[in-house]
Amino acid sequence: MTTRHTDSGLLGRLSPRLYRQNAFRVTGLPLAATGRDIRRKSDMLAVIEKTGGELPVSDVLPLRPAPSAQDLRGALDRLGDPRQRLVDEFFWFWPVATSGTGGEPDPTLAALATGDTASAVRHWSTAAARTDPEASAEAASAVHNLAVLEHLQALDAEQAATDTSGPPPDWLSVHRRWENVLDDDRVWEGLAARIRQAGNARLDESLAADVRAALPTALLAIGAELAVAALTAGDLGRAERQLAAMRAARLGPTADEALGAALRTAGTPWANEVTTLCDSAVRIAENTSTDGLAQAERILTESAELLERIDVLLPAEEPTRVRAHDKVALETLHCLLAFDRTRGVPRAAGDNAARDHLTMTELLTRAERTAGSEAIRERLAENRALLESSALHIVCWVCRDRPAEERSGVRVWMHGEVVRTFQGVQWSKGEITVPRCRTCELRRASGGWRMALRTVLYFLVAISVPSMLFPGAGGGFVALGVLAAVIAFLVDGMAVSWPAARRERARIDSFPPLADLRGKGWQRGERPLGVTGG
């Protein structure tokens, strides 16, 4: 048994400009054009180029803007290549002799030449629905032409995407049209017949099967390129519409594989950009390790948009997407480790080493969130835990944001292991310093002063206002004013000052060394209750 090689490269270079570069649309020549017709067109073009005359424009769906002389020359060259001509024939309208008209050309081509696409669609829709054997060729061409027309119109609309006045193309409908083509054996019999009629030694009838096999990937590759263009332009809505239509398409039995291949190919350039960025940053960090912190930040910042685009394009489990995310996470860690080898040990809270330590922790947290695989996330989490543990005494435990300062720390005495005997009480004690920044210290102190000032103000108002309003009324009103001041003081404390103090104490009590001692039964204070001295 032998296996025939499939010529998948025949449709491998299609792009969204497929119909704008179609040789028959550019030149206006019919599908039946002979070599003589092509030479005559070429000679006419040469004369026009010399005399400066007006270039010819196709009657059927003419291009806007009109093709240049260079475009026309390129199209004529394509028609001289049998394989390229076959591709352009497949993506253009097949004229069909309508049964009962004596072999006259399909009137829909004349309708298209006058811009009456609606008439062409009606005629082809009617012909496509026919199932009688004598109309087989007509039905096959109609099914094919409906797909080509809708695809052409959609791509033309995408090329003019800056014009937002019209509705977006219905790509779901476009893909359904091509599904009909792929499922209709009559279309492919018709393509094989066209190959036979060409009588060219470079064309084998088996190319029809090759085109059929390669068509899903080619169509989805065009869609993926459109999605990439939309994402690059920042048009997320257009990209998501395109991707949703592609994922809903059922272009033959290999649709899922074709979709994966198309999206993977489209996303690879962005993944390569991520790799280039990371490799560049690592080289700088290795050569100048003091730049490691800045390079880690650079990787995370400059890769963010690329990763967002890849995430829209590819599913979460796609290896290309996972590798790109893991590359960013690992190379961020690489830069941080290079920096860590030369930085100062964060001994004095608030110095540059302490600030660098906080920045490293923040960058490592971002890298952990960026990682694409669980194994890499776990590795970064382990490194982050080590950093956070070593940063325990250099970060303010109250705000958990600014570097702590030694003079602002909160000193807390703890006692435990209490043993009561007839001879007395024995216990262990220890002082724990909870790291705190100067800002939080001043906020706590200013909170107390503010409450004291408000209290004084309450009592001044309570005494002075009744005395001024009722000077001869005795002390009764003054007493009521004092009572009101006491109530205001209590309300102020319960609503503002005391909850803030409780929150700060709760944060201090959650400091791990204190929490560990409480877990062992230790309590606040230098000594147990009721014990003096010691």
Protein backbone atom coordinates (compact mmCIF):
# COMPACT_ATOMS: atom_id res chain seq x y z
CA MET A 1 0.00 0.00 0.00
CA THR A 2 1.29 3.49 -0.85
CA THR A 3 0.37 6.80 0.71
CA ARG A 4 0.04 9.82 -1.52
CA HIS A 5 1.73 13.00 -0.30
CA THR A 6 -0.76 15.80 0.35
CA ASP A 7 0.22 19.13 -1.18
CA SER A 8 -0.77 21.32 1.76
CA GLY A 9 1.54 24.13 0.60
CA LEU A 10 -0.78 25.02 -2.25
CA LEU A 11 -2.93 27.14 0.12
CA GLY A 12 -0.15 27.85 2.61
CA ARG A 13 0.39 31.51 1.70
CA LEU A 14 -3.17 32.83 1.82
CA SER A 15 -3.76 36.08 3.68
CA PRO A 16 -6.63 38.49 4.35
CA ARG A 17 -5.66 40.17 1.05
CA LEU A 18 -6.67 36.96 -0.75
CA TYR A 19 -9.33 38.59 -2.91
CA ARG A 20 -7.53 41.91 -3.32
CA GLN A 21 -4.68 39.96 -4.93
CA ASN A 22 -6.85 37.55 -6.88
CA ALA A 23 -5.54 37.61 -10.45
CA PHE A 24 -9.00 37.46 -12.04
CA ARG A 25 -10.35 40.29 -9.88
CA VAL A 26 -7.27 42.45 -10.50
CA THR A 27 -7.08 41.92 -14.28
CA GLY A 28 -10.76 41.48 -15.07
CA LEU A 29 -9.96 38.39 -17.18
CA PRO A 30 -12.49 35.53 -17.17
CA LEU A 31 -11.66 32.11 -15.74
CA ALA A 32 -11.54 30.75 -19.30
CA ALA A 33 -8.78 33.20 -20.30
CA THR A 34 -6.19 31.55 -22.53
CA GLY A 35 -2.48 32.19 -22.74
CA ARG A 36 -3.18 34.42 -25.72
CA ASP A 37 -5.66 36.48 -23.69
CA ILE A 38 -3.09 36.92 -20.95
CA ARG A 39 -0.38 38.03 -23.42
CA ARG A 40 -2.78 40.49 -25.03
CA LYS A 41 -3.55 41.96 -21.59
CA SER A 42 0.15 42.19 -20.84
CA ASP A 43 0.86 43.99 -24.12
CA MET A 44 -1.97 46.42 -23.47
CA LEU A 45 -0.57 47.14 -20.02
CA ALA A 46 2.86 47.86 -21.52
CA VAL A 47 1.33 50.36 -23.97
CA ILE A 48 -0.63 52.08 -21.18
CA GLU A 49 2.49 52.34 -19.04
CA LYS A 50 4.33 54.03 -21.90
CA THR A 51 1.55 56.39 -22.96
CA GLY A 52 0.25 57.12 -19.47
CA GLY A 53 -3.27 55.98 -20.24
CA GLU A 54 -5.87 54.87 -17.71
CA LEU A 55 -5.40 51.38 -16.33
CA PRO A 56 -8.26 48.91 -16.93
CA VAL A 57 -10.53 48.01 -13.99
CA SER A 58 -12.47 44.78 -13.55
CA ASP A 59 -16.22 44.95 -14.08
CA VAL A 60 -16.92 42.31 -11.40
CA LEU A 61 -16.57 43.73 -7.89
CA PRO A 62 -13.84 46.23 -8.86
CA LEU A 63 -11.15 47.01 -6.32
CA ARG A 64 -11.15 50.29 -4.40
CA PRO A 65 -8.62 51.79 -4.66
CA ALA A 66 -7.95 50.58 -8.20
CA PRO A 67 -4.93 48.31 -8.69
CA SER A 68 -1.66 49.84 -9.82
CA ALA A 69 0.35 48.81 -12.87
CA GLN A 70 2.59 46.81 -10.57
CA ASP A 71 -0.46 45.01 -9.15
CA LEU A 72 -1.65 44.17 -12.66
CA ARG A 73 1.79 42.90 -13.67
CA GLY A 74 1.94 40.69 -10.57
CA ALA A 75 -1.54 39.30 -11.29
CA LEU A 76 -0.59 38.45 -14.87
CA ASP A 77 2.51 36.65 -13.58
CA ARG A 78 0.31 34.60 -11.27
CA LEU A 79 -1.87 33.57 -14.21
CA GLY A 80 1.28 32.29 -15.91
CA ASP A 81 1.89 29.84 -13.05
CA PRO A 82 -0.60 26.94 -13.36
CA ARG A 83 -0.63 26.20 -9.61
CA GLN A 84 -1.11 29.82 -8.60
CA ARG A 85 -3.79 30.18 -11.26
CA LEU A 86 -5.61 27.15 -9.83
CA VAL A 87 -5.73 28.81 -6.39
CA ASP A 88 -7.08 32.04 -7.88
CA GLU A 89 -9.67 30.09 -9.88
CA PHE A 90 -10.83 28.33 -6.75
CA PHE A 91 -11.32 31.65 -4.94
CA TRP A 92 -13.27 33.27 -7.76
CA PHE A 93 -16.71 32.79 -9.29
CA TRP A 94 -17.27 29.74 -11.42
CA PRO A 95 -19.49 30.49 -14.44
CA VAL A 96 -22.05 27.80 -15.11
CA ALA A 97 -24.24 27.14 -18.14
CA THR A 98 -27.76 27.27 -16.71
CA SER A 99 -29.83 24.27 -17.74
CA GLY A 100 -32.41 25.11 -20.34
CA THR A 101 -30.65 28.21 -21.69
CA GLY A 102 -28.69 26.58 -24.46
CA GLY A 103 -25.35 26.90 -22.66
CA GLU A 104 -25.49 30.65 -22.13
CA PRO A 105 -23.22 31.97 -19.38
CA ASP A 106 -24.47 32.26 -15.84
CA PRO A 107 -26.44 35.54 -15.73
CA THR A 108 -25.22 36.15 -12.18
CA LEU A 109 -21.80 37.21 -13.47
CA ALA A 110 -23.51 39.95 -15.49
CA ALA A 111 -25.45 40.92 -12.35
CA LEU A 112 -22.21 41.17 -10.38
CA ALA A 113 -20.73 43.34 -13.13
CA THR A 114 -23.56 45.83 -12.61
CA GLY A 115 -23.18 45.71 -8.82
CA ASP A 116 -26.39 43.73 -8.31
CA THR A 117 -25.07 41.23 -5.76
CA ALA A 118 -28.55 40.63 -4.35
CA SER A 119 -29.72 39.15 -7.65
CA ALA A 120 -26.64 36.94 -7.80
CA VAL A 121 -27.27 35.65 -4.28
CA ARG A 122 -30.93 34.90 -5.05
CA HIS A 123 -30.04 33.04 -8.22
CA TRP A 124 -27.24 31.01 -6.60
CA SER A 125 -29.35 30.22 -3.53
CA THR A 126 -32.07 28.80 -5.76
CA ALA A 127 -29.56 26.81 -7.82
CA ALA A 128 -27.77 25.47 -4.72
CA ALA A 129 -31.01 24.01 -3.41
CA ARG A 130 -31.53 21.84 -6.51
CA THR A 131 -30.90 18.12 -6.12
CA ASP A 132 -31.78 16.79 -9.57
CA PRO A 133 -28.78 15.11 -11.29
CA GLU A 134 -28.95 17.24 -14.45
CA ALA A 135 -28.39 20.38 -12.31
CA SER A 136 -25.47 18.92 -10.36
CA ALA A 137 -22.79 21.16 -11.91
CA GLU A 138 -24.95 24.25 -11.55
CA ALA A 139 -25.71 23.47 -7.88
CA ALA A 140 -22.05 22.79 -7.07
CA SER A 141 -20.91 26.08 -8.60
CA ALA A 142 -23.70 27.94 -6.79
CA VAL A 143 -22.67 26.50 -3.42
CA HIS A 144 -19.06 27.45 -4.16
CA ASN A 145 -19.88 30.95 -5.43
CA LEU A 146 -22.03 31.81 -2.41
CA ALA A 147 -19.09 31.00 -0.14
CA VAL A 148 -16.64 33.00 -2.26
CA LEU A 149 -18.93 36.04 -2.44
CA GLU A 150 -19.63 36.20 1.30
CA HIS A 151 -15.98 35.59 2.13
CA LEU A 152 -14.89 38.32 -0.29
CA GLN A 153 -17.37 40.81 1.15
CA ALA A 154 -16.29 40.01 4.72
CA LEU A 155 -12.60 40.46 3.94
CA ASP A 156 -13.26 43.69 2.06
CA ALA A 157 -15.15 44.94 5.13
CA GLU A 158 -12.24 43.95 7.40
CA GLN A 159 -9.78 45.78 5.14
CA ALA A 160 -11.95 48.89 5.56
CA ALA A 161 -12.32 48.37 9.33
CA THR A 162 -11.60 52.05 9.97
CA ASP A 163 -15.09 52.77 8.61
CA THR A 164 -17.26 52.03 11.63
CA SER A 165 -20.51 53.08 10.01
CA GLY A 166 -21.53 49.58 8.93
CA PRO A 167 -22.12 46.39 10.91
CA PRO A 168 -19.19 44.00 11.41
CA PRO A 169 -18.93 41.03 9.03
CA ASP A 170 -20.89 37.91 9.99
CA TRP A 171 -18.03 35.43 10.16
CA LEU A 172 -20.27 32.68 11.50
CA SER A 173 -22.23 32.86 8.25
CA VAL A 174 -19.00 32.93 6.21
CA HIS A 175 -17.75 29.75 7.86
CA ARG A 176 -21.12 28.05 7.35
CA ARG A 177 -20.84 28.79 3.63
CA TRP A 178 -17.44 27.12 3.51
CA GLU A 179 -18.75 24.20 5.56
CA ASN A 180 -21.27 23.65 2.76
CA VAL A 181 -18.44 23.68 0.22
CA LEU A 182 -16.35 21.18 2.19
CA ASP A 183 -19.30 18.83 2.65
CA ASP A 184 -20.48 18.91 -1.00
CA ASP A 185 -18.65 16.29 -3.09
CA ARG A 186 -20.04 17.88 -6.24
CA VAL A 187 -17.89 20.99 -5.67
CA TRP A 188 -14.73 18.93 -5.54
CA GLU A 189 -15.73 16.90 -8.56
CA GLY A 190 -16.15 20.21 -10.32
CA LEU A 191 -12.67 21.36 -9.26
CA ALA A 192 -11.17 18.08 -10.45
CA ALA A 193 -12.96 18.57 -13.78
CA ARG A 194 -11.48 22.08 -14.12
CA ILE A 195 -8.00 20.63 -13.51
CA ARG A 196 -8.56 18.02 -16.22
CA GLN A 197 -9.79 20.66 -18.66
CA ALA A 198 -6.67 22.76 -18.06
CA GLY A 199 -4.59 19.93 -19.53
CA ASN A 200 -1.41 21.15 -17.86
CA ALA A 201 1.28 18.65 -16.97
CA ARG A 202 2.04 20.52 -13.74
CA LEU A 203 -1.52 20.00 -12.51
CA ASP A 204 -2.66 16.63 -11.22
CA GLU A 205 -6.32 15.84 -10.67
CA SER A 206 -5.42 14.81 -7.10
CA LEU A 207 -4.80 18.50 -6.32
CA ALA A 208 -8.55 18.83 -5.82
CA ALA A 209 -8.30 16.52 -2.79
CA ASP A 210 -5.25 18.45 -1.57
CA VAL A 211 -7.14 21.73 -1.72
CA ARG A 212 -10.07 20.16 0.14
CA ALA A 213 -7.76 18.87 2.89
CA ALA A 214 -5.85 22.15 3.25
CA LEU A 215 -8.84 24.51 3.04
CA PRO A 216 -9.89 24.46 6.76
CA THR A 217 -6.41 25.40 7.95
CA ALA A 218 -6.06 28.06 5.26
CA LEU A 219 -9.42 29.68 6.08
CA LEU A 220 -8.75 29.64 9.83
CA ALA A 221 -5.24 31.03 9.29
CA ILE A 222 -6.82 34.03 7.56
CA GLY A 223 -9.16 34.47 10.54
CA ALA A 224 -6.26 34.19 12.97
CA GLU A 225 -4.34 36.86 11.06
CA LEU A 226 -7.37 39.15 11.27
CA ALA A 227 -7.63 38.52 15.02
CA VAL A 228 -3.93 39.32 15.43
CA ALA A 229 -4.36 42.57 13.47
CA ALA A 230 -7.34 43.55 15.63
CA LEU A 231 -5.46 42.82 18.87
CA THR A 232 -2.43 44.75 17.66
CA ALA A 233 -4.70 47.70 16.89
CA GLY A 234 -6.28 47.44 20.34
CA ASP A 235 -9.70 46.44 18.95
CA LEU A 236 -10.52 43.67 21.42
CA GLY A 237 -14.18 43.44 20.38
CA ARG A 238 -13.34 42.77 16.74
CA ALA A 239 -10.75 40.18 17.73
CA GLU A 240 -13.12 38.36 20.06
CA ARG A 241 -15.87 38.27 17.39
CA GLN A 242 -13.44 36.74 14.94
CA LEU A 243 -12.16 34.16 17.43
CA ALA A 244 -15.68 33.21 18.54
CA ALA A 245 -16.66 32.55 14.91
CA MET A 246 -13.52 30.49 14.33
CA ARG A 247 -14.14 28.35 17.42
CA ALA A 248 -17.75 27.77 16.36
CA ALA A 249 -16.77 26.77 12.83
CA ARG A 250 -17.04 23.11 11.84
CA LEU A 251 -14.82 23.03 8.80
CA GLY A 252 -14.58 19.30 8.26
CA PRO A 253 -13.48 16.45 10.53
CA THR A 254 -10.11 18.05 11.33
CA ALA A 255 -11.55 21.44 12.33
CA ASP A 256 -10.19 21.36 15.89
CA GLU A 257 -6.68 20.48 14.75
CA ALA A 258 -6.85 23.14 12.05
CA LEU A 259 -8.00 25.77 14.54
CA GLY A 260 -5.22 24.88 16.97
CA ALA A 261 -2.59 25.05 14.23
CA ALA A 262 -3.87 28.39 12.92
CA LEU A 263 -3.97 30.06 16.33
CA ARG A 264 -0.64 28.60 17.35
CA THR A 265 1.01 29.91 14.19
CA ALA A 266 -0.56 33.34 14.69
CA GLY A 267 0.56 33.55 18.32
CA THR A 268 4.13 32.36 17.75
CA PRO A 269 5.54 35.81 16.75
CA TRP A 270 4.30 37.28 20.03
CA ALA A 271 5.75 34.36 21.97
CA ASN A 272 9.04 34.94 20.16
CA GLU A 273 8.94 38.61 21.17
CA VAL A 274 8.51 37.51 24.79
CA THR A 275 11.54 35.22 24.47
CA THR A 276 13.65 37.98 22.90
CA LEU A 277 12.67 40.42 25.66
CA CYS A 278 13.46 37.94 28.43
CA ASP A 279 16.78 36.87 26.94
CA SER A 280 17.85 40.50 26.53
CA ALA A 281 16.95 41.35 30.13
CA VAL A 282 18.77 38.30 31.50
CA ARG A 283 21.92 39.15 29.56
CA ILE A 284 21.95 42.64 31.04
CA ALA A 285 21.25 41.32 34.55
CA GLU A 286 24.06 38.76 34.27
CA ASN A 287 26.55 41.29 32.92
CA THR A 288 25.58 44.03 35.37
CA SER A 289 23.93 42.30 38.29
CA THR A 290 23.07 45.59 40.00
CA ASP A 291 20.59 46.08 37.13
CA GLY A 292 18.82 42.82 37.95
CA LEU A 293 15.98 44.53 39.80
CA ALA A 294 15.32 46.94 36.94
CA GLN A 295 15.48 44.14 34.38
CA ALA A 296 13.00 42.03 36.35
CA GLU A 297 10.62 44.99 36.35
CA ARG A 298 11.25 45.47 32.63
CA ILE A 299 10.34 41.85 31.83
CA LEU A 300 7.06 42.00 33.74
CA THR A 301 6.07 45.41 32.40
CA GLU A 302 7.02 45.04 28.74
CA SER A 303 5.67 41.49 28.44
CA ALA A 304 2.27 42.32 29.92
CA GLU A 305 0.63 43.45 26.68
CA LEU A 306 2.15 40.59 24.68
CA LEU A 307 0.87 38.04 27.20
CA GLU A 308 -2.58 39.64 27.18
CA ARG A 309 -2.75 39.22 23.40
CA ILE A 310 -1.56 35.63 23.61
CA ASP A 311 -4.17 34.92 26.31
CA VAL A 312 -6.98 36.22 24.09
CA LEU A 313 -5.72 34.21 21.12
CA LEU A 314 -4.84 30.85 22.71
CA PRO A 315 -6.64 28.63 25.25
CA ALA A 316 -5.17 28.34 28.74
CA GLU A 317 -3.74 24.85 28.22
CA GLU A 318 -2.07 25.66 24.87
CA PRO A 319 1.69 24.90 25.24
CA THR A 320 2.74 28.09 23.42
CA ARG A 321 0.77 30.19 25.91
CA VAL A 322 2.02 28.25 28.93
CA ARG A 323 5.63 28.47 27.80
CA ALA A 324 5.41 32.22 27.23
CA HIS A 325 4.01 32.80 30.73
CA ASP A 326 6.55 30.47 32.33
CA LYS A 327 9.37 32.16 30.41
CA VAL A 328 8.42 35.54 31.87
CA ALA A 329 8.08 34.14 35.40
CA LEU A 330 11.36 32.19 35.36
CA GLU A 331 13.46 34.92 33.77
CA THR A 332 12.08 37.44 36.27
CA LEU A 333 13.31 35.11 39.01
CA HIS A 334 16.63 34.75 37.16
CA CYS A 335 17.14 38.54 37.17
CA LEU A 336 16.18 38.80 40.85
CA LEU A 337 18.62 36.06 41.81
CA ALA A 338 21.39 37.83 39.89
CA PHE A 339 20.56 41.02 41.77
CA ASP A 340 20.35 39.22 45.11
CA ARG A 341 23.93 37.94 44.81
CA THR A 342 25.36 41.44 44.99
CA ARG A 343 22.89 43.50 47.02
CA GLY A 344 23.48 44.52 50.59
CA VAL A 345 22.03 42.52 53.45
CA PRO A 346 18.93 44.40 54.73
CA ARG A 347 20.09 45.03 58.30
CA ALA A 348 19.08 48.62 58.94
CA ALA A 349 15.35 48.93 58.47
CA GLY A 350 14.54 51.72 56.07
CA ASP A 351 17.86 51.65 54.18
CA ASN A 352 18.14 50.98 50.43
CA ALA A 353 18.69 47.26 50.97
CA ALA A 354 15.39 47.04 52.83
CA ARG A 355 13.57 48.90 50.09
CA ASP A 356 15.13 46.64 47.47
CA HIS A 357 13.97 43.64 49.49
CA LEU A 358 10.40 44.90 49.44
CA THR A 359 10.61 45.51 45.69
CA MET A 360 11.95 42.00 45.12
CA THR A 361 9.04 40.52 47.06
CA GLU A 362 6.52 42.55 45.05
CA LEU A 363 8.11 41.56 41.71
CA LEU A 364 8.26 37.90 42.71
CA THR A 365 4.57 38.02 43.64
CA ARG A 366 3.75 39.44 40.19
CA ALA A 367 5.89 36.78 38.53
CA GLU A 368 4.09 34.06 40.49
CA ARG A 369 0.73 35.35 39.22
CA THR A 370 2.12 35.41 35.67
CA ALA A 371 3.40 31.81 35.63
CA GLY A 372 1.51 29.48 33.31
CA SER A 373 2.17 26.10 34.94
CA GLU A 374 1.58 24.92 38.47
CA ALA A 375 5.16 23.66 38.84
CA ILE A 376 6.61 27.10 38.09
CA ARG A 377 4.08 28.80 40.37
CA GLU A 378 5.13 26.50 43.22
CA ARG A 379 8.80 27.24 42.60
CA LEU A 380 8.20 30.99 42.70
CA ALA A 381 5.98 30.64 45.77
CA GLU A 382 8.82 28.92 47.62
CA ASN A 383 11.21 31.74 46.75
CA ARG A 384 8.63 34.36 47.70
CA ALA A 385 8.07 32.67 51.08
CA LEU A 386 11.81 32.84 51.75
CA LEU A 387 11.86 36.53 50.89
CA GLU A 388 8.83 37.29 53.03
CA SER A 389 10.31 35.40 55.95
CA SER A 390 13.58 37.34 55.76
CA ALA A 391 11.61 40.57 55.37
CA LEU A 392 9.62 39.98 58.58
CA HIS A 393 11.63 42.50 60.59
CA ILE A 394 12.25 45.11 57.90
CA VAL A 395 8.66 45.80 56.85
CA CYS A 396 6.17 47.74 58.95
CA TRP A 397 3.80 45.12 60.31
CA VAL A 398 1.00 47.69 60.79
CA CYS A 399 0.73 48.97 57.21
CA ARG A 400 2.75 46.13 55.63
CA ASP A 401 3.93 48.52 52.99
CA ARG A 402 6.71 50.86 54.14
CA PRO A 403 10.10 49.86 55.55
CA ALA A 404 10.15 49.64 59.34
CA GLU A 405 12.30 51.91 61.49
CA GLU A 406 13.98 50.60 64.61
CA ARG A 407 13.05 53.55 66.83
CA SER A 408 9.37 53.26 65.84
CA GLY A 409 8.98 49.58 66.76
CA VAL A 410 6.29 48.47 69.22
CA ARG A 411 7.83 46.66 72.19
CA VAL A 412 5.56 44.01 73.65
CA TRP A 413 6.37 42.01 76.81
CA MET A 414 5.10 38.44 76.94
CA HIS A 415 5.13 35.93 79.77
CA GLY A 416 4.44 32.23 79.96
CA GLU A 417 5.45 28.87 81.39
CA VAL A 418 4.02 29.97 84.73
CA VAL A 419 4.69 27.58 87.62
CA ARG A 420 3.02 28.25 90.98
CA THR A 421 4.46 26.56 94.09
CA PHE A 422 4.32 27.08 97.84
CA GLN A 423 7.55 29.01 97.59
CA GLY A 424 6.19 31.45 94.98
CA VAL A 425 5.57 31.89 91.27
CA GLN A 426 8.07 31.26 88.50
CA TRP A 427 7.63 32.26 84.90
CA SER A 428 9.45 33.06 81.71
CA LYS A 429 9.25 36.37 79.94
CA GLY A 430 10.49 37.97 76.82
CA GLU A 431 10.24 41.21 74.89
CA ILE A 432 9.17 41.13 71.24
CA THR A 433 9.66 44.17 69.01
CA VAL A 434 6.99 44.49 66.34
CA PRO A 435 8.44 46.42 63.37
CA ARG A 436 6.65 49.67 62.61
CA CYS A 437 7.34 52.59 60.31
CA ARG A 438 7.56 56.21 61.40
CA THR A 439 4.38 57.10 59.54
CA CYS A 440 2.27 54.56 61.46
CA GLU A 441 3.86 55.65 64.74
CA LEU A 442 2.98 59.27 64.09
CA ARG A 443 -0.53 58.33 62.99
CA ARG A 444 -1.08 56.47 66.26
CA ALA A 445 0.30 59.32 68.34
CA SER A 446 -1.63 61.96 66.42
CA GLY A 447 -4.81 59.92 66.87
CA GLY A 448 -4.44 60.17 70.64
CA TRP A 449 -3.72 63.88 70.54
CA ARG A 450 -6.66 64.52 68.25
CA MET A 451 -9.02 62.72 70.61
CA ALA A 452 -7.64 64.70 73.58
CA LEU A 453 -8.18 67.98 71.75
CA ARG A 454 -11.70 66.99 70.75
CA THR A 455 -12.45 66.07 74.36
CA VAL A 456 -11.24 69.47 75.59
CA LEU A 457 -13.33 71.14 72.90
CA TYR A 458 -16.45 69.17 73.93
CA PHE A 459 -16.16 70.33 77.54
CA LEU A 460 -15.34 73.94 76.64
CA VAL A 461 -18.42 74.11 74.45
CA ALA A 462 -20.52 72.32 77.09
CA ILE A 463 -19.60 74.89 79.75
CA SER A 464 -19.40 78.10 77.72
CA VAL A 465 -22.51 77.81 75.55
CA PRO A 466 -25.07 77.43 78.45
CA SER A 467 -23.28 80.22 80.37
CA MET A 468 -23.63 82.60 77.44
CA LEU A 469 -27.18 81.67 76.53
CA PHE A 470 -28.57 81.44 80.07
CA PRO A 471 -26.35 83.64 82.28
CA GLY A 472 -28.71 83.77 85.24
CA ALA A 473 -30.06 80.25 85.12
CA GLY A 474 -27.65 78.69 87.61
CA GLY A 475 -25.64 75.50 87.10
CA GLY A 476 -28.41 73.26 85.81
CA PHE A 477 -27.78 74.00 82.14
CA VAL A 478 -24.04 73.72 82.64
CA ALA A 479 -24.51 70.26 84.12
CA LEU A 480 -26.60 69.24 81.13
CA GLY A 481 -23.86 70.56 78.84
CA VAL A 482 -21.25 68.53 80.67
CA LEU A 483 -23.42 65.43 80.35
CA ALA A 484 -23.71 66.09 76.62
CA ALA A 485 -19.92 66.44 76.40
CA VAL A 486 -19.47 63.11 78.16
CA ILE A 487 -21.87 61.46 75.69
CA ALA A 488 -20.05 63.07 72.74
CA PHE A 489 -16.75 61.82 74.14
CA LEU A 490 -18.09 58.26 74.40
CA VAL A 491 -19.61 58.34 70.92
CA ASP A 492 -16.35 59.73 69.48
CA GLY A 493 -14.34 57.01 71.15
CA MET A 494 -16.64 54.15 70.11
CA ALA A 495 -17.00 55.39 66.53
CA VAL A 496 -13.46 56.55 65.73
CA SER A 497 -10.62 56.27 68.20
CA TRP A 498 -11.22 52.99 70.00
CA PRO A 499 -11.95 50.88 66.84
CA ALA A 500 -8.75 52.21 65.25
CA ALA A 501 -6.79 51.29 68.38
CA ARG A 502 -8.34 47.81 68.42
CA ARG A 503 -7.47 47.28 64.76
CA GLU A 504 -3.85 48.28 65.32
CA ARG A 505 -3.59 46.04 68.40
CA ALA A 506 -5.07 43.14 66.40
CA ARG A 507 -2.45 43.68 63.68
CA ILE A 508 0.33 43.78 66.27
CA ASP A 509 -0.99 40.62 67.93
CA SER A 510 -0.91 38.85 64.55
CA PHE A 511 2.87 39.34 64.29
CA PRO A 512 4.13 35.75 63.87
CA PRO A 513 6.51 35.64 66.88
CA LEU A 514 3.72 36.98 69.12
CA ALA A 515 1.17 34.62 67.57
CA ASP A 516 3.53 31.66 68.13
CA LEU A 517 3.94 32.54 71.81
CA ARG A 518 0.19 32.93 72.29
CA GLY A 519 -0.24 29.55 70.69
CA LYS A 520 1.99 28.15 73.44
CA GLY A 521 -0.12 29.76 76.12
CA TRP A 522 1.89 32.91 76.69
CA GLN A 523 0.12 36.19 77.51
CA ARG A 524 0.87 39.89 77.30
CA GLY A 525 2.75 41.52 80.16
CA GLU A 526 6.03 41.07 82.00
CA ARG A 527 4.47 38.97 84.75
CA PRO A 528 1.29 37.07 85.58
CA LEU A 529 -1.66 38.93 87.06
CA GLY A 530 -1.46 39.45 90.78
CA VAL A 531 2.32 39.00 90.87
CA THR A 532 4.53 41.89 91.88
CA GLY A 533 8.25 42.18 91.51
CA GLY A 534 10.38 39.74 89.50
